[in-house]
Amino acid sequence: MDKEEYGILLKDWMWKERRSEILQRDDYTCQRCYADRSNDVLLNVHHKYYIEGRMPWDYPDDALVTLCEECHKKEHQENEIEIY
């Protein structure tokens, strides 16, 4: 799946619902730097790994984590995300 196709999936209501669950679980706080929405940061939900062919919302809770936009970029720059 290419980035464009993946981007379309991230607009799906199923991902929006799943994303909301993870943000709420993590108290709308980056789990790396602990910035929260009161710090006027954009929060992302990061996949710790990918499974080929799996929809973005079809992952267990422990595979998803809330990161601010800056930490999310760093995570992708510093660590290779495993694809199974």
C-alpha atoms as a PDB file:
ATOM      1  CA  MET A   1       0.000   0.000   0.000  1.00  0.00           C
ATOM      2  CA  ASP A   2       1.436   3.373  -0.940  1.00  0.00           C
ATOM      3  CA  LYS A   3       1.348   6.581   1.133  1.00  0.00           C
ATOM      4  CA  GLU A   4      -1.594   8.002  -0.807  1.00  0.00           C
ATOM      5  CA  GLU A   5      -3.738   4.910  -0.198  1.00  0.00           C
ATOM      6  CA  TYR A   6      -2.706   4.891   3.471  1.00  0.00           C
ATOM      7  CA  GLY A   7      -3.599   8.586   3.785  1.00  0.00           C
ATOM      8  CA  ILE A   8      -7.087   7.852   2.483  1.00  0.00           C
ATOM      9  CA  LEU A   9      -7.522   5.115   5.111  1.00  0.00           C
ATOM     10  CA  LEU A  10      -6.563   7.589   7.841  1.00  0.00           C
ATOM     11  CA  LYS A  11      -9.617   9.662   6.877  1.00  0.00           C
ATOM     12  CA  ASP A  12     -11.965   6.707   7.363  1.00  0.00           C
ATOM     13  CA  TRP A  13     -14.414   6.904  10.283  1.00  0.00           C
ATOM     14  CA  MET A  14     -13.044   3.584  11.605  1.00  0.00           C
ATOM     15  CA  TRP A  15      -9.570   5.111  12.046  1.00  0.00           C
ATOM     16  CA  LYS A  16     -11.009   8.312  13.512  1.00  0.00           C
ATOM     17  CA  GLU A  17     -12.866   6.258  16.116  1.00  0.00           C
ATOM     18  CA  ARG A  18      -9.816   4.098  16.916  1.00  0.00           C
ATOM     19  CA  ARG A  19      -7.565   7.166  17.084  1.00  0.00           C
ATOM     20  CA  SER A  20      -9.976   8.807  19.506  1.00  0.00           C
ATOM     21  CA  GLU A  21      -9.896   5.733  21.761  1.00  0.00           C
ATOM     22  CA  ILE A  22      -6.087   5.809  21.952  1.00  0.00           C
ATOM     23  CA  LEU A  23      -5.923   9.571  22.538  1.00  0.00           C
ATOM     24  CA  GLN A  24      -8.423   9.214  25.369  1.00  0.00           C
ATOM     25  CA  ARG A  25      -6.560   6.218  26.839  1.00  0.00           C
ATOM     26  CA  ASP A  26      -3.338   8.267  26.861  1.00  0.00           C
ATOM     27  CA  ASP A  27      -5.131  11.268  28.384  1.00  0.00           C
ATOM     28  CA  TYR A  28      -4.429  13.355  25.252  1.00  0.00           C
ATOM     29  CA  THR A  29      -0.752  13.427  26.240  1.00  0.00           C
ATOM     30  CA  CYS A  30       2.363  12.612  24.228  1.00  0.00           C
ATOM     31  CA  GLN A  31       3.836   9.482  25.759  1.00  0.00           C
ATOM     32  CA  ARG A  32       7.378  10.578  24.858  1.00  0.00           C
ATOM     33  CA  CYS A  33       7.670  14.239  25.934  1.00  0.00           C
ATOM     34  CA  TYR A  34       4.397  14.498  27.917  1.00  0.00           C
ATOM     35  CA  ALA A  35       3.137  17.548  26.038  1.00  0.00           C
ATOM     36  CA  ASP A  36      -0.627  17.644  26.017  1.00  0.00           C
ATOM     37  CA  ARG A  37      -3.308  19.473  24.107  1.00  0.00           C
ATOM     38  CA  SER A  38      -3.056  22.405  26.530  1.00  0.00           C
ATOM     39  CA  ASN A  39       0.451  22.962  25.081  1.00  0.00           C
ATOM     40  CA  ASP A  40      -1.167  23.667  21.706  1.00  0.00           C
ATOM     41  CA  VAL A  41       0.475  20.656  20.043  1.00  0.00           C
ATOM     42  CA  LEU A  42      -0.950  18.374  17.384  1.00  0.00           C
ATOM     43  CA  LEU A  43      -1.288  14.827  18.700  1.00  0.00           C
ATOM     44  CA  ASN A  44      -0.835  11.780  16.471  1.00  0.00           C
ATOM     45  CA  VAL A  45      -1.465   8.115  17.113  1.00  0.00           C
ATOM     46  CA  HIS A  46       1.662   6.175  16.175  1.00  0.00           C
ATOM     47  CA  HIS A  47       1.790   2.541  15.069  1.00  0.00           C
ATOM     48  CA  LYS A  48       4.726   0.828  16.785  1.00  0.00           C
ATOM     49  CA  TYR A  49       4.742  -1.734  13.961  1.00  0.00           C
ATOM     50  CA  TYR A  50       2.782  -2.553  10.833  1.00  0.00           C
ATOM     51  CA  ILE A  51       1.309  -5.795   9.588  1.00  0.00           C
ATOM     52  CA  GLU A  52       1.088  -5.988   5.807  1.00  0.00           C
ATOM     53  CA  GLY A  53      -2.515  -5.872   4.615  1.00  0.00           C
ATOM     54  CA  ARG A  54      -3.935  -4.826   7.972  1.00  0.00           C
ATOM     55  CA  MET A  55      -6.149  -1.755   8.234  1.00  0.00           C
ATOM     56  CA  PRO A  56      -4.767   1.074  10.431  1.00  0.00           C
ATOM     57  CA  TRP A  57      -7.562   0.568  12.969  1.00  0.00           C
ATOM     58  CA  ASP A  58      -7.080  -3.215  13.251  1.00  0.00           C
ATOM     59  CA  TYR A  59      -4.265  -3.154  15.821  1.00  0.00           C
ATOM     60  CA  PRO A  60      -4.256  -4.010  19.520  1.00  0.00           C
ATOM     61  CA  ASP A  61      -4.002  -1.193  22.051  1.00  0.00           C
ATOM     62  CA  ASP A  62      -0.368  -1.950  22.864  1.00  0.00           C
ATOM     63  CA  ALA A  63       0.613  -1.401  19.211  1.00  0.00           C
ATOM     64  CA  LEU A  64      -0.637   2.210  19.258  1.00  0.00           C
ATOM     65  CA  VAL A  65       0.651   5.183  21.221  1.00  0.00           C
ATOM     66  CA  THR A  66      -0.072   8.908  21.375  1.00  0.00           C
ATOM     67  CA  LEU A  67       2.818  11.118  20.268  1.00  0.00           C
ATOM     68  CA  CYS A  68       2.925  14.835  19.547  1.00  0.00           C
ATOM     69  CA  GLU A  69       3.723  15.717  15.948  1.00  0.00           C
ATOM     70  CA  GLU A  70       7.363  16.522  16.765  1.00  0.00           C
ATOM     71  CA  CYS A  71       7.951  13.276  18.683  1.00  0.00           C
ATOM     72  CA  HIS A  72       6.150  11.327  15.972  1.00  0.00           C
ATOM     73  CA  LYS A  73       8.569  12.703  13.361  1.00  0.00           C
ATOM     74  CA  LYS A  74      11.534  11.877  15.613  1.00  0.00           C
ATOM     75  CA  GLU A  75      10.234   8.365  16.186  1.00  0.00           C
ATOM     76  CA  HIS A  76      10.159   7.706  12.439  1.00  0.00           C
ATOM     77  CA  GLN A  77      13.593   9.304  11.944  1.00  0.00           C
ATOM     78  CA  GLU A  78      15.307   7.493  14.833  1.00  0.00           C
ATOM     79  CA  ASN A  79      13.674   4.063  14.650  1.00  0.00           C
ATOM     80  CA  GLU A  80      12.796   1.746  11.823  1.00  0.00           C
ATOM     81  CA  ILE A  81       9.184   0.682  12.134  1.00  0.00           C
ATOM     82  CA  GLU A  82       8.917  -3.087  11.691  1.00  0.00           C
ATOM     83  CA  ILE A  83       6.610  -4.409   8.987  1.00  0.00           C
ATOM     84  CA  TYR A  84       5.405  -7.974   9.391  1.00  0.00           C
END
